[in-house]
Every structure is written in C-alpha cells, then in structure tokens.
Protein backbone atom coordinates (compact mmCIF):
# COMPACT_ATOMS: atom_id res chain seq x y z
CA MET A 1 -6.57 -15.33 53.58
CA SER A 2 -3.39 -14.07 55.19
CA THR A 3 -1.58 -10.79 54.76
CA GLN A 4 1.96 -9.89 55.52
CA ASN A 5 3.99 -7.84 56.45
CA PRO A 6 -8.14 14.99 39.87
CA SER A 7 -5.94 16.18 37.89
CA GLY A 8 -7.14 16.91 34.39
CA THR A 9 -3.68 16.77 32.87
CA THR A 10 -3.02 15.04 29.60
CA SER A 11 -0.60 12.14 29.57
CA PRO A 12 1.73 11.04 26.81
CA ASP A 13 0.76 8.21 24.52
CA ILE A 14 0.56 4.70 25.96
CA LEU A 15 3.77 2.91 26.80
CA SER A 16 3.66 -0.83 26.46
CA VAL A 17 6.94 -2.46 27.36
CA PRO A 18 8.15 -4.79 24.58
CA SER A 19 8.12 -7.90 26.70
CA ARG A 20 7.04 -11.35 25.48
CA ARG A 21 3.81 -9.71 24.23
CA ARG A 22 5.93 -8.02 21.56
CA GLY A 23 8.28 -10.91 21.02
CA SER A 24 11.19 -9.25 22.84
CA SER A 25 12.96 -10.03 26.08
CA ILE A 26 11.82 -8.70 29.43
CA GLY A 27 15.28 -7.21 29.91
CA VAL A 28 14.45 -4.58 27.32
CA GLY A 29 11.24 -3.76 29.16
CA ILE A 30 13.04 -3.30 32.45
CA ALA A 31 15.69 -1.15 30.82
CA VAL A 32 13.08 1.07 29.19
CA ALA A 33 11.14 1.45 32.43
CA ILE A 34 14.23 2.32 34.44
CA ALA A 35 15.52 4.71 31.79
CA ILE A 36 12.17 6.51 31.72
CA VAL A 37 12.08 6.91 35.48
CA LEU A 38 15.65 8.19 35.54
CA LEU A 39 14.81 10.72 32.85
CA VAL A 40 11.78 11.87 34.80
CA VAL A 41 13.76 12.19 38.01
CA GLY A 42 16.61 13.97 36.28
CA LEU A 43 14.58 16.38 34.18
CA GLY A 44 11.63 17.02 36.51
CA GLY A 45 7.88 16.96 36.10
CA GLY A 46 7.93 19.28 33.10
CA TYR A 47 9.60 16.69 30.89
CA VAL A 48 7.18 15.28 28.33
CA LEU A 49 7.43 11.58 27.57
CA GLY A 50 6.13 9.93 24.46
CA GLY A 51 6.87 8.40 21.13
CA TYR A 52 9.01 5.49 22.33
CA LEU A 53 6.42 2.79 21.81
CA ASN A 54 2.97 3.18 20.33
CA PRO A 55 0.82 0.04 20.48
CA SER A 56 -2.38 -0.01 18.52
CA LYS A 57 -5.51 0.98 20.41
CA THR A 58 -8.46 -1.38 20.68
CA THR A 59 -11.59 -0.72 18.66
CA ASN A 60 -13.63 -2.87 21.06
CA THR A 61 -15.06 -1.62 24.33
CA VAL A 62 -12.98 -2.87 27.26
CA THR A 63 -13.87 -2.35 30.92
CA ILE A 64 -11.21 -2.91 33.56
CA SER A 65 -12.49 -3.33 37.11
CA GLU A 66 -10.47 -2.20 40.13
CA ALA A 67 -11.53 -2.40 43.77
CA GLY A 68 -9.93 -2.22 47.19
CA SER A 69 -7.70 0.19 49.05
CA THR A 70 -9.27 3.54 49.88
CA LEU A 71 -5.75 4.91 50.27
CA LEU A 72 -4.73 3.99 46.72
CA GLY A 73 -8.23 4.59 45.33
CA PRO A 74 -7.92 8.38 44.85
CA LEU A 75 -4.84 7.80 42.71
CA PHE A 76 -6.67 5.28 40.55
CA GLN A 77 -9.41 7.90 40.21
CA LEU A 78 -6.76 10.15 38.62
CA TRP A 79 -5.15 7.47 36.50
CA GLY A 80 -8.38 6.01 35.09
CA PRO A 81 -9.83 9.06 33.30
CA ASN A 82 -6.43 10.08 31.95
CA TYR A 83 -5.85 6.60 30.58
CA THR A 84 -9.31 6.58 29.01
CA ALA A 85 -8.55 9.96 27.41
CA LEU A 86 -5.72 8.16 25.57
CA ASN A 87 -7.77 5.03 24.91
CA PRO A 88 -11.46 6.01 24.66
CA ASN A 89 -12.54 2.40 24.32
CA VAL A 90 -10.88 1.38 27.59
CA GLN A 91 -12.83 2.27 30.72
CA VAL A 92 -11.41 1.86 34.24
CA ASN A 93 -14.03 1.33 36.94
CA VAL A 94 -12.67 2.22 40.39
CA ALA A 95 -14.33 1.13 43.66
CA LEU A 96 -12.96 2.25 47.04
CA THR A 97 -14.01 -0.77 49.07
CA GLY A 98 -11.06 -1.34 51.41
CA SER A 99 -7.99 -3.52 51.10
CA GLY A 100 -9.63 -6.59 52.60
CA ASN A 101 -12.23 -6.53 49.85
CA GLY A 102 -9.55 -5.84 47.25
CA ILE A 103 -7.69 -8.98 48.32
CA SER A 104 -10.75 -11.22 48.45
CA GLU A 105 -12.05 -9.96 45.09
CA ALA A 106 -8.67 -10.55 43.47
CA GLU A 107 -8.49 -14.04 44.95
CA SER A 108 -11.95 -14.94 43.65
CA GLY A 109 -11.48 -13.30 40.26
CA GLY A 110 -14.29 -10.86 41.02
CA VAL A 111 -12.23 -7.90 39.79
CA ASP A 112 -9.37 -7.47 37.36
CA ILE A 113 -7.26 -5.51 39.83
CA GLY A 114 -7.39 -5.82 43.60
CA ALA A 115 -5.82 -2.85 45.38
CA THR A 116 -4.37 -3.27 48.85
CA ASP A 117 -2.02 -1.61 51.30
CA ALA A 118 -1.30 -5.04 52.77
CA TYR A 119 0.60 -7.31 50.45
CA LEU A 120 0.11 -11.04 50.19
CA THR A 121 2.99 -13.27 51.12
CA PRO A 122 4.58 -14.77 47.97
CA GLN A 123 3.30 -18.18 49.06
CA ASN A 124 -0.29 -17.01 49.56
CA ALA A 125 -0.26 -14.99 46.36
CA SER A 126 0.98 -18.00 44.41
CA ALA A 127 -1.65 -20.25 45.98
CA HIS A 128 -4.35 -17.96 44.54
CA GLY A 129 -2.62 -17.47 41.18
CA LEU A 130 -1.82 -13.83 41.96
CA ILE A 131 1.18 -11.51 41.88
CA ASN A 132 1.87 -8.42 43.97
CA VAL A 133 2.43 -5.35 41.79
CA PRO A 134 3.21 -2.21 43.84
CA LEU A 135 2.41 1.05 42.04
CA ALA A 136 3.52 3.88 44.36
CA ILE A 137 4.83 4.78 47.82
CA SER A 138 2.33 6.11 50.36
CA ALA A 139 2.18 7.06 54.03
CA GLN A 140 -0.34 7.13 56.83
CA LEU A 141 -1.16 10.06 59.11
CA VAL A 142 -2.16 10.16 62.75
CA MET A 143 -4.95 12.75 62.86
CA TYR A 144 -6.99 14.25 65.67
CA ASN A 145 -9.88 16.60 66.37
CA LEU A 146 -8.50 18.56 69.31
CA PRO A 147 -10.36 21.87 69.64
CA GLY A 148 -7.89 24.73 69.88
CA LEU A 149 -4.88 22.56 68.99
CA ASN A 150 -5.62 21.37 65.46
CA ASN A 151 -3.03 23.82 64.13
CA VAL A 152 -0.37 22.15 66.31
CA HIS A 153 1.56 19.08 65.15
CA LEU A 154 1.56 17.10 68.38
CA ASN A 155 4.39 14.65 68.98
CA MET A 156 3.19 11.03 69.08
CA ASN A 157 5.00 7.72 68.76
CA GLY A 158 4.16 4.08 68.28
CA THR A 159 4.15 3.19 71.94
CA VAL A 160 1.81 6.02 72.91
CA LEU A 161 -0.50 5.28 69.98
CA ALA A 162 -0.60 1.59 70.85
CA GLU A 163 -1.44 2.37 74.46
CA ILE A 164 -4.22 4.76 73.36
CA TYR A 165 -5.82 2.14 71.14
CA ALA A 166 -5.45 -0.52 73.83
CA GLY A 167 -7.18 1.70 76.38
CA VAL A 168 -4.12 2.21 78.62
CA ILE A 169 -3.80 5.91 77.84
CA THR A 170 -7.26 7.48 78.06
CA LYS A 171 -6.74 11.23 78.56
CA TRP A 172 -5.19 13.83 76.26
CA ASN A 173 -3.11 15.21 79.14
CA ASP A 174 -1.63 11.82 80.02
CA PRO A 175 1.95 12.24 81.31
CA GLN A 176 3.43 10.39 78.32
CA ILE A 177 1.73 12.69 75.82
CA ALA A 178 2.54 15.75 77.91
CA ALA A 179 6.23 14.78 78.21
CA ALA A 180 6.56 14.60 74.43
CA ASN A 181 4.79 17.95 73.97
CA PRO A 182 6.39 20.44 76.38
CA GLY A 183 4.70 23.81 76.46
CA VAL A 184 1.44 22.52 74.97
CA SER A 185 -1.62 22.90 77.17
CA LEU A 186 -3.37 19.58 76.72
CA PRO A 187 -7.00 19.12 77.80
CA SER A 188 -8.07 16.57 80.37
CA GLN A 189 -10.67 15.24 77.93
CA THR A 190 -11.08 11.53 77.20
CA ILE A 191 -9.45 10.36 73.96
CA VAL A 192 -11.83 8.73 71.47
CA PRO A 193 -9.84 6.36 69.20
CA LEU A 194 -11.51 5.79 65.81
CA HIS A 195 -10.85 2.67 63.78
CA ARG A 196 -11.67 1.24 60.34
CA SER A 197 -14.74 -1.01 60.43
CA ASP A 198 -13.94 -2.57 57.05
CA GLY A 199 -11.06 -4.87 56.23
CA SER A 200 -8.38 -2.27 55.72
CA GLY A 201 -4.76 -2.00 54.65
CA ASP A 202 -4.63 1.16 56.73
CA THR A 203 -5.45 -1.00 59.73
CA PHE A 204 -2.68 -3.36 58.64
CA MET A 205 -0.21 -0.44 58.56
CA PHE A 206 -1.31 1.05 61.87
CA THR A 207 -1.44 -2.22 63.78
CA SER A 208 1.99 -3.13 62.38
CA LEU A 209 3.33 0.07 63.95
CA CYS A 210 1.67 -0.73 67.27
CA TYR A 211 2.80 -4.36 67.18
CA LEU A 212 6.42 -3.37 66.62
CA SER A 213 6.38 -0.51 69.11
CA TRP A 214 4.87 -1.85 72.33
CA SER A 215 5.31 -5.28 73.86
CA GLY A 216 1.88 -5.00 75.52
CA TRP A 217 0.01 -4.65 72.22
CA PRO A 218 -2.85 -7.18 72.47
CA TYR A 219 -4.12 -7.38 68.89
CA SER A 220 -1.23 -8.57 66.71
CA PHE A 221 -1.53 -6.96 63.26
CA GLY A 222 -3.67 -7.34 60.16
CA THR A 223 -6.41 -5.85 58.04
CA SER A 224 -9.00 -6.45 60.77
CA VAL A 225 -8.64 -6.71 64.55
CA GLN A 226 -11.07 -6.76 67.47
CA TRP A 227 -10.98 -3.19 68.76
CA LEU A 228 -12.17 -1.87 72.12
CA SER A 229 -15.94 -1.46 72.39
CA SER A 230 -15.34 2.21 73.17
CA SER A 231 -13.67 2.72 69.78
CA PRO A 232 -16.15 3.76 67.05
CA GLY A 233 -15.62 2.27 63.60
CA TYR A 234 -15.94 3.93 60.20
CA ASN A 235 -15.86 2.59 56.66
CA GLY A 236 -13.01 3.73 54.43
CA ASN A 237 -10.64 6.66 54.76
CA GLY A 238 -13.44 9.01 53.74
CA GLY A 239 -15.56 7.66 56.57
CA MET A 240 -12.71 8.16 59.00
CA VAL A 241 -12.34 11.81 57.96
CA THR A 242 -16.08 12.43 58.42
CA GLY A 243 -16.15 10.53 61.70
CA LEU A 244 -13.19 12.42 63.10
CA GLN A 245 -14.62 15.76 61.98
CA ASN A 246 -17.69 14.97 64.06
CA THR A 247 -15.82 13.60 67.09
CA PRO A 248 -14.19 16.26 69.27
CA TYR A 249 -11.14 14.83 71.10
CA GLY A 250 -11.00 11.92 68.67
CA ILE A 251 -7.88 10.40 67.11
CA ALA A 252 -7.65 8.35 63.91
CA TYR A 253 -5.24 6.73 61.48
CA ILE A 254 -5.92 8.02 57.94
CA GLY A 255 -4.14 7.55 54.62
CA ILE A 256 -2.17 10.52 53.32
CA SER A 257 -4.22 10.68 50.11
CA PHE A 258 -7.03 12.10 52.30
CA LEU A 259 -4.87 14.87 53.83
CA ASN A 260 -6.42 17.64 51.72
CA SER A 261 -10.00 16.64 52.48
CA ALA A 262 -9.21 16.29 56.19
CA LEU A 263 -7.62 19.73 56.44
CA ALA A 264 -10.51 21.24 54.46
CA THR A 265 -12.83 20.42 57.36
CA GLY A 266 -11.04 22.97 59.55
CA LYS A 267 -11.42 20.60 62.49
CA ILE A 268 -8.58 18.15 62.00
CA GLY A 269 -4.86 18.31 62.70
CA TYR A 270 -2.10 15.75 62.31
CA ALA A 271 0.87 14.61 64.33
CA ALA A 272 4.61 14.46 64.02
CA VAL A 273 5.20 10.75 64.53
CA GLY A 274 8.30 9.53 66.29
CA ASP A 275 10.45 6.51 65.69
CA GLN A 276 11.38 4.35 68.63
CA ALA A 277 14.32 6.54 69.66
CA ALA A 278 11.63 9.07 70.54
CA ASN A 279 10.56 6.72 73.34
CA VAL A 280 13.52 7.61 75.57
CA ASN A 281 11.79 9.03 78.64
CA GLY A 282 8.88 9.87 76.35
CA THR A 283 10.84 12.68 74.76
CA ASN A 284 13.69 13.25 72.25
CA PRO A 285 11.93 15.77 69.92
CA ALA A 286 14.62 15.34 67.26
CA ASN A 287 13.05 12.02 66.43
CA TYR A 288 9.49 13.26 65.94
CA VAL A 289 9.08 13.91 62.24
CA LEU A 290 6.35 15.16 59.91
CA PRO A 291 5.17 13.25 56.82
CA THR A 292 7.10 15.41 54.36
CA PRO A 293 8.23 13.87 51.05
CA GLN A 294 11.81 13.89 52.33
CA ASN A 295 10.95 12.08 55.54
CA ILE A 296 8.72 9.54 53.79
CA SER A 297 11.50 8.94 51.27
CA ALA A 298 14.01 8.39 54.08
CA ASP A 299 11.91 5.63 55.61
CA ALA A 300 11.28 4.03 52.23
CA SER A 301 15.02 4.10 51.51
CA LEU A 302 15.64 2.23 54.75
CA GLY A 303 12.93 -0.33 54.14
CA LEU A 304 13.77 -1.03 50.52
CA GLN A 305 17.28 -2.07 51.53
CA ASN A 306 15.65 -5.22 52.80
CA LEU A 307 13.95 -6.04 49.51
CA GLN A 308 14.58 -9.58 48.37
CA PRO A 309 13.88 -9.82 44.64
CA PRO A 310 12.01 -11.04 42.79
CA SER A 311 9.45 -10.61 45.58
CA VAL A 312 8.26 -7.06 46.22
CA ALA A 313 6.25 -8.05 49.31
CA ILE A 314 7.82 -5.95 52.05
CA SER A 315 6.81 -3.82 55.03
CA LEU A 316 8.30 -0.32 55.24
CA ILE A 317 6.85 0.40 58.70
CA LEU A 318 9.55 1.80 61.01
CA GLY A 319 12.16 1.47 58.28
CA GLY A 320 11.52 -2.21 57.73
CA VAL A 321 15.12 -3.50 57.81
CA PRO A 322 17.25 -5.56 60.23
CA GLY A 323 18.92 -3.08 62.53
CA ALA A 324 16.02 -0.71 62.08
CA ILE A 325 13.44 -3.24 63.20
CA VAL A 326 14.36 -6.00 65.59
CA THR A 327 11.59 -8.51 66.07
CA THR A 328 11.72 -11.15 68.78
CA ALA A 329 9.38 -13.78 70.10
CA ASN A 330 7.94 -11.12 72.38
CA HIS A 331 8.03 -8.46 69.65
CA GLY A 332 7.79 -4.88 70.84
CA THR A 333 11.52 -4.20 70.48
CA GLY A 334 11.39 -2.66 67.03
CA GLY A 335 12.52 0.83 66.15
CA THR A 336 14.10 2.88 63.42
CA LEU A 337 17.69 3.70 64.25
CA PRO A 338 18.51 7.16 62.89
CA THR A 339 21.73 7.24 60.88
CA ALA A 340 23.79 9.98 59.29
CA GLN A 341 22.35 8.94 55.94
CA TYR A 342 18.73 8.76 57.07
CA PRO A 343 18.31 11.14 60.01
CA HIS A 344 14.54 11.66 59.83
CA PRO A 345 12.56 8.64 58.64
CA TYR A 346 8.79 9.01 58.93
CA PRO A 347 7.75 5.67 60.40
CA ILE A 348 4.37 4.85 58.80
CA VAL A 349 5.27 4.35 55.11
CA ASN A 350 3.98 1.74 52.70
CA LEU A 351 4.14 0.36 49.18
CA GLU A 352 0.69 0.48 47.58
CA TYR A 353 -0.04 -2.88 45.97
CA THR A 354 -2.25 -4.30 43.28
CA LEU A 355 -3.04 -7.97 42.81
CA ILE A 356 -3.73 -9.53 39.42
CA GLN A 357 -4.20 -13.06 38.12
CA THR A 358 -1.27 -14.68 36.34
CA SER A 359 -3.43 -17.26 34.55
CA PRO A 360 -6.66 -15.35 33.87
CA ALA A 361 -9.83 -16.82 32.42
CA SER A 362 -9.48 -14.40 29.48
CA PRO A 363 -5.86 -13.81 28.41
CA SER A 364 -7.10 -11.42 25.72
CA HIS A 365 -8.81 -9.24 28.34
CA GLN A 366 -5.80 -9.52 30.64
CA PHE A 367 -3.68 -7.96 27.86
CA TYR A 368 -5.44 -4.64 28.51
CA VAL A 369 -5.12 -5.02 32.29
CA VAL A 370 -1.38 -5.53 32.01
CA GLN A 371 -1.10 -2.69 29.50
CA LEU A 372 -2.83 -0.35 31.97
CA LEU A 373 -0.43 -1.33 34.75
CA GLU A 374 2.58 -0.86 32.46
CA TRP A 375 1.31 2.63 31.60
CA ILE A 376 0.90 3.39 35.31
CA LEU A 377 4.41 2.20 36.09
CA SER A 378 5.89 4.23 33.23
CA TYR A 379 3.77 7.38 33.34
CA GLY A 380 1.46 7.15 36.36
CA ASN A 381 4.38 7.81 38.71
CA LEU A 382 4.81 11.33 37.31
CA PRO A 383 4.32 14.28 39.73
CA GLN A 384 1.17 15.40 37.91
CA TYR A 385 -0.55 12.38 39.45
CA LEU A 386 1.31 11.62 42.66
CA ASN A 387 1.52 15.15 44.05
CA ALA A 388 -2.26 15.45 44.16
CA VAL A 389 -2.45 12.63 46.72
CA HIS A 390 0.93 13.20 48.44
CA PHE A 391 2.43 9.92 47.18
CA LEU A 392 6.01 9.31 46.09
CA PRO A 393 7.19 7.46 42.95
CA LEU A 394 8.56 3.96 42.96
CA THR A 395 12.28 3.43 42.64
CA PRO A 396 13.61 2.26 39.26
CA ALA A 397 14.45 -1.11 40.81
CA ILE A 398 10.87 -1.67 41.99
CA ILE A 399 9.55 -0.75 38.54
CA GLY A 400 11.97 -3.26 37.04
CA TYR A 401 10.73 -6.02 39.34
CA ASP A 402 7.13 -5.08 38.55
CA MET A 403 7.74 -5.28 34.81
CA GLN A 404 9.36 -8.65 35.27
CA ALA A 405 6.39 -9.87 37.28
CA LEU A 406 3.95 -8.61 34.63
CA ALA A 407 5.89 -10.56 32.01
CA SER A 408 4.80 -13.74 33.79
CA VAL A 409 1.09 -13.04 33.18
CA SER A 410 -0.66 -15.02 30.48
CA VAL A 411 -2.01 -12.59 27.90
CA SER A 412 -2.94 -12.61 24.25
CA SER A 413 -3.48 -9.58 22.01
C-alpha cells in the first residue's frame, strides 16, 4: 500500500444526480451539483434545498459500512443519522479506525467506504479498483498542554515542529521557539511530543509538513513512521486529545474536528502555524497564522490551483503548488510564498477523501453507496454540518470531478 501526497438538523430530500443511473449524461449531474453549490454559497446556510430530484426510497434494509479517518469520522457521524432520517431503511455504520485502516479495508472490500486523509495515487487506486472521492476540506492543529500558556497561541512553524519531533529541539524555551514568541515567558521544561500509534492520515499530513520544511527530517512522510522512543503514541484523534490532556508540557498534531473537545478539557491550547517565510531568523510574525476559515481557505485556494483533473489526488500542505512548494532531491526547500491574493495561508490543510470500489461485488448495493455520496456532495457540504467540525465546503469544480468519478462506478438499481 502506498499513499501520496451532532447536529440534529433536518436535511432536504435526497438528491441523486441523473447520471447513467437515470439514463442521462454525467454533464447534467455536474451542472446540477455546481449550480446547487453556487446557490448555497450565494444565498447562505439558511437557503433550503429540495424538490429537484426525488428518487424512490428503498423498502429493503440497507447497511452502508464506513471506516477510517478519525478526522473525517465526526462529520460522517453527523451525516449518517441525518441521511437515515430521510431514508429510514438505509443505515450508515461509522467506525473511527484511522486512515491506514480505512485504506486497507477499502482495498480488501471489507467496508463500503474507506475514509482517509491520505489519498491514494491514481495508479495505486486503480490497481485496487478504487477511486478517490474527496468530501470536504479540513485542517490540522498543533496543540499543546503548557500550564499557564494554554490561552496563548504560540507561534510555531514546520522547521521547529520537525526539529521537536526529531529530538533536536527538546526544551520549551529553546532559542528558536523563544525568537518566534517575543514577550512570552517560556518554561525550561522538556517537550513531550505525542504521535498517532495507528496508521493515520493525520500523521501523513503532519509528516508531509515536516518533510517539506526541514532538510534534516529523518522520517520521510506517510501514515506511519518510526517515531522517537521518547514520543508516546495514542490511537485516534480522540486518544491524542486525552493523551495531551494528561501530559503537561506535551505537544501533539490533532485534526480540527476535535478542536471543541480539546478546548473543553481546559488544559489544551493551539498554535499559530507559520509558513516557510516565517523561518527568516526564526521570526516574521506576519506569517504565523491561525486556522480560521479564511486562512484555511487561502491555503486550499493555493493548493487547488495545482489540481490536474480528472484526478483529485492532491496535497494542500503548505499551499501545494509549484512556486509555493519547491521540492528537490534533498527536499526541505518547500514553503508557501505569500502573495497579494493569498496573504495568510494556513499551512496544514487537506482534502478529506473516501475510497470506494468501481467494480463492486454487488452493484445493487453499490447503488446506495453512491447515492449516499451524491447526497453528501450536494447537501452534506452545507454549513449545518461542516461548521460543527470546523470544515470547509468543497469547491464546485471538485464536486464536479467527484460526480464524474462516481459515474464510473458499476451500479444497478
């Protein structure tokens, strides 16, 4: 396997794009999807969708299994019950098992939907009969348990974070951290870096940042790496929150969908993360940015410029585009270049992917899997879902590519 770079609201009736399952062209489906998203963006979250298409609901009991990403999982836990409220005979079972498990289960056919923060390369996906279907835009936070300073957004960047996790920077008052945080009284305590013990898309995202930021990074990037023996490991984002809560002077990388639960502990703060321009003499505060929707959107806008359709397999870390990331044989020279159009890109941003089989063992069952994903793409990107987990909606273009990819799946109604 290789990887590359609760709300209780009621949703409108199911949207099923009239692709080849309805005897129409996929172009109509893309147009409908894009038009819906544009309407939502233009009219806001209060706009009520519905009535465009109304496929018949099944009278049989259908169970759709989803497993994988603990970052995307909380959103599936919102989508599933709301979808079942519209289709009582369709149940969505959600398991937060980590991206590595989501990938392997999708490859083996063990689940209908494998969720992952780390996409498969088009070649690897095709070799396993899978397609990448991103469903939302997420981000990752750098969090810490720093007694007395958890209400302060410390300035951190990729180089400093890489050196912490490689054991080069070991104290909170290290000169590099102090230089980026003038006026902050940092303790001389040893930093305890927490990592994910399971195969994790969050690890993929974080190690991608480290890989691109520091030429001395020893671990490459991926869903699993061999961490320092002094770094304790925890399972899932929930495990990381609990572990960090119980580890004074600890630091951790945690998906943004767990921000609320982390802050609720009263013992966890999170950083303003800098792009590579923030590495100049360890300072340049203008380039340390918080994970606000605007800053996450700025990074995604940079990264999505490099999208090469029909593939939607792309990294958004550090902007993800030539000129924003420069990779060489020695790596470590990457960095987001602030521009007038995108002055504050938050650097750890990601598309949240699902993997499904294109030639399933049961095309009749796969009909309901595809229908669920079409509903998510058309309605699941509404603020009533995304805001609860601090995600952002897909762009109309990404939704169009997704609908086109779903049209390639063998289904029968």
